[in-house]
Amino acid sequence: MFNQRGQAFSVFELMIAAIVAVAILFVLLPILGGIITPTGDAKTNIGNTLASIRTGGTADTPIFKLEKGTLIKSEHFTSKGLDKCSINFDRGKFSESVVTVANGEESDCSGSFLYTGVGTVNARAKVICETTPTSLQDTVNKLEGAGSIEMPQFDYWTSCGKDGDYDVCCLVILQKA
């Protein structure tokens, strides 16, 4: 019966510590889940990002899974109010596992990329849209100079025509997540 007051206090401290630990876990799980777990598919994530910055800007898509055989074409995004000729792709860090078909190489000026790698990988895309090919090139040069992106491997993104041909000119650069 001696010192029972101190023992009850230590049990109470343990219970408070457990409650705080559970609360922290509930706060961290959604954050970690969003970083590690891909959300959505490539077409949806790229399309939503293109739509959100189609008047100009730069944004990263949420992480998505790329599975062997994933084909993304510029025609997939015409429902978002973009002309298929104004969307260009660069394979970025996926040099050996993505085949890029450039705008201008096909008669209908559509661009696309096809993931040919082995297995599934987590990826994201940096999407850059500007009102003219000239301003797109300036933005890409600034981002590359700041270390935000590596210079695109191809010069296909200038195939948005001449300044004034389209309302917007966009570049989608694949990145490993």
Protein backbone atom coordinates (compact mmCIF):
# COMPACT_ATOMS: atom_id res chain seq x y z
CA MET A 1 0.00 0.00 0.00
CA PHE A 2 3.03 2.15 0.17
CA ASN A 3 3.87 4.29 -2.92
CA GLN A 4 0.74 3.31 -4.87
CA ARG A 5 0.29 6.89 -5.97
CA GLY A 6 3.57 6.79 -7.98
CA GLN A 7 2.68 3.49 -9.65
CA ALA A 8 -0.68 4.77 -10.84
CA PHE A 9 1.01 7.84 -12.27
CA SER A 10 3.47 5.77 -14.33
CA VAL A 11 0.60 3.73 -15.84
CA PHE A 12 -1.15 6.99 -16.70
CA GLU A 13 2.03 8.30 -18.37
CA LEU A 14 2.29 5.10 -20.41
CA MET A 15 -1.33 5.44 -21.55
CA ILE A 16 -0.77 9.08 -22.61
CA ALA A 17 2.38 8.09 -24.52
CA ALA A 18 0.42 5.36 -26.36
CA ILE A 19 -2.34 7.81 -27.31
CA VAL A 20 0.20 10.34 -28.61
CA ALA A 21 1.98 7.61 -30.61
CA VAL A 22 -1.29 6.49 -32.23
CA ALA A 23 -2.18 10.11 -33.07
CA ILE A 24 1.21 10.65 -34.72
CA LEU A 25 0.79 7.41 -36.67
CA PHE A 26 -2.59 8.57 -38.00
CA VAL A 27 -1.01 11.84 -39.15
CA LEU A 28 2.01 10.19 -40.83
CA LEU A 29 0.27 7.30 -42.61
CA PRO A 30 -1.57 9.41 -45.21
CA ILE A 31 1.58 11.42 -45.90
CA LEU A 32 3.74 8.32 -46.38
CA GLY A 33 1.01 6.59 -48.37
CA GLY A 34 0.85 9.48 -50.84
CA ILE A 35 4.61 9.43 -51.35
CA ILE A 36 5.09 5.71 -51.73
CA THR A 37 1.84 4.54 -53.28
CA PRO A 38 1.08 5.61 -56.86
CA THR A 39 -2.29 7.25 -57.33
CA GLY A 40 -4.18 6.89 -60.58
CA ASP A 41 -2.90 5.84 -63.97
CA ALA A 42 -0.57 7.71 -66.31
CA LYS A 43 -3.28 8.97 -68.68
CA THR A 44 -5.45 10.34 -65.88
CA ASN A 45 -2.60 12.01 -63.99
CA ILE A 46 -1.02 13.56 -67.07
CA GLY A 47 -4.42 14.63 -68.44
CA ASN A 48 -5.48 16.30 -65.20
CA THR A 49 -2.15 18.10 -64.91
CA LEU A 50 -2.31 19.27 -68.53
CA ALA A 51 -5.83 20.58 -67.96
CA SER A 52 -4.83 22.42 -64.80
CA ILE A 53 -1.98 24.36 -66.45
CA ARG A 54 -3.15 24.59 -70.05
CA THR A 55 -3.08 28.38 -69.91
CA GLY A 56 0.58 28.25 -68.91
CA GLY A 57 2.70 26.98 -66.07
CA THR A 58 4.72 24.08 -64.74
CA ALA A 59 3.53 21.22 -62.55
CA ASP A 60 4.45 17.68 -61.54
CA THR A 61 1.89 14.92 -61.84
CA PRO A 62 1.14 12.64 -58.90
CA ILE A 63 3.09 9.36 -58.97
CA PHE A 64 1.66 6.72 -61.30
CA LYS A 65 2.57 3.18 -62.33
CA LEU A 66 4.05 2.48 -65.73
CA GLU A 67 3.48 -1.07 -66.84
CA LYS A 68 5.08 -2.68 -69.88
CA GLY A 69 3.08 -1.72 -72.94
CA THR A 70 1.65 1.52 -71.52
CA LEU A 71 1.00 3.79 -74.48
CA ILE A 72 0.22 7.46 -73.99
CA LYS A 73 -0.81 9.47 -77.05
CA SER A 74 -1.47 13.17 -77.43
CA GLU A 75 -4.95 12.32 -78.75
CA HIS A 76 -5.86 11.07 -75.27
CA PHE A 77 -5.95 14.66 -74.05
CA THR A 78 -8.08 16.36 -76.70
CA SER A 79 -11.08 16.01 -74.38
CA LYS A 80 -9.24 18.36 -71.98
CA GLY A 81 -9.43 21.15 -74.56
CA LEU A 82 -5.92 20.70 -75.98
CA ASP A 83 -4.96 20.22 -79.61
CA LYS A 84 -3.08 16.94 -80.13
CA CYS A 85 -0.41 18.80 -82.09
CA SER A 86 0.39 21.03 -79.11
CA ILE A 87 1.34 18.19 -76.72
CA ASN A 88 4.90 16.88 -76.94
CA PHE A 89 6.59 14.08 -75.01
CA ASP A 90 10.15 13.52 -73.84
CA ARG A 91 11.27 10.25 -72.31
CA GLY A 92 13.43 11.98 -69.72
CA LYS A 93 15.15 9.44 -67.43
CA PHE A 94 13.61 6.49 -69.27
CA SER A 95 16.01 6.60 -72.22
CA GLU A 96 16.25 2.84 -72.81
CA SER A 97 12.75 1.81 -71.81
CA VAL A 98 10.53 4.37 -73.53
CA VAL A 99 10.00 4.83 -77.22
CA THR A 100 9.03 8.41 -78.07
CA VAL A 101 7.24 9.17 -81.29
CA ALA A 102 7.65 12.85 -81.95
CA ASN A 103 5.12 15.32 -83.19
CA GLY A 104 5.85 16.07 -86.79
CA GLU A 105 7.19 12.58 -87.58
CA GLU A 106 3.69 11.36 -88.27
CA SER A 107 1.40 12.90 -90.83
CA ASP A 108 -1.24 13.79 -88.24
CA CYS A 109 1.31 15.53 -85.91
CA SER A 110 0.40 13.38 -82.92
CA GLY A 111 3.01 12.56 -80.29
CA SER A 112 3.21 9.55 -78.01
CA PHE A 113 5.36 7.45 -75.74
CA LEU A 114 5.39 3.70 -75.19
CA TYR A 115 6.89 2.10 -72.08
CA THR A 116 8.85 -0.98 -73.17
CA GLY A 117 10.71 -1.68 -69.92
CA VAL A 118 10.61 -4.91 -67.98
CA GLY A 119 8.16 -4.89 -65.11
CA THR A 120 6.25 -2.07 -63.47
CA VAL A 121 7.92 1.15 -62.30
CA ASN A 122 6.70 4.18 -60.40
CA ALA A 123 6.93 7.37 -62.42
CA ARG A 124 5.71 10.92 -62.59
CA ALA A 125 5.83 13.57 -65.27
CA LYS A 126 6.83 17.20 -65.30
CA VAL A 127 4.36 19.10 -67.44
CA ILE A 128 5.27 22.49 -68.85
CA CYS A 129 2.79 24.55 -70.88
CA GLU A 130 3.34 27.96 -72.45
CA THR A 131 1.46 30.05 -74.97
CA THR A 132 4.12 29.80 -77.70
CA PRO A 133 6.97 27.45 -78.62
CA THR A 134 9.40 30.33 -77.99
CA SER A 135 8.17 30.88 -74.43
CA LEU A 136 8.19 27.10 -73.85
CA GLN A 137 11.83 26.97 -74.93
CA ASP A 138 12.65 29.89 -72.60
CA THR A 139 10.93 28.17 -69.67
CA VAL A 140 12.69 24.85 -70.36
CA ASN A 141 16.05 26.65 -70.55
CA LYS A 142 15.39 28.41 -67.21
CA LEU A 143 14.31 25.17 -65.49
CA GLU A 144 17.32 23.34 -66.90
CA GLY A 145 19.63 26.14 -65.77
CA ALA A 146 18.15 26.02 -62.26
CA GLY A 147 18.64 22.24 -62.12
CA SER A 148 14.88 21.52 -61.95
CA ILE A 149 14.99 19.37 -65.09
CA GLU A 150 17.54 17.86 -67.39
CA MET A 151 17.49 19.22 -70.89
CA PRO A 152 15.03 17.17 -72.93
CA GLN A 153 16.73 14.58 -75.06
CA PHE A 154 14.97 15.61 -78.24
CA ASP A 155 14.08 18.89 -79.83
CA TYR A 156 10.63 17.61 -80.85
CA TRP A 157 8.80 19.94 -78.49
CA THR A 158 9.47 22.83 -80.82
CA SER A 159 7.09 21.13 -83.24
CA CYS A 160 4.12 23.06 -81.84
CA GLY A 161 4.48 25.04 -85.02
CA LYS A 162 5.34 28.70 -85.11
CA ASP A 163 4.34 31.19 -82.46
CA GLY A 164 0.61 31.73 -82.84
CA ASP A 165 -0.20 28.38 -84.51
CA TYR A 166 -1.79 26.96 -81.34
CA ASP A 167 -3.25 28.41 -78.16
CA VAL A 168 -0.75 26.49 -76.04
CA CYS A 169 2.40 24.40 -76.44
CA CYS A 170 3.06 21.71 -73.79
CA LEU A 171 5.95 19.39 -73.00
CA VAL A 172 5.51 16.24 -70.89
CA ILE A 173 8.81 14.92 -69.50
CA LEU A 174 8.79 11.48 -67.84
CA GLN A 175 10.62 11.20 -64.54
CA LYS A 176 11.36 8.30 -62.23
CA ALA A 177 9.53 8.61 -58.93
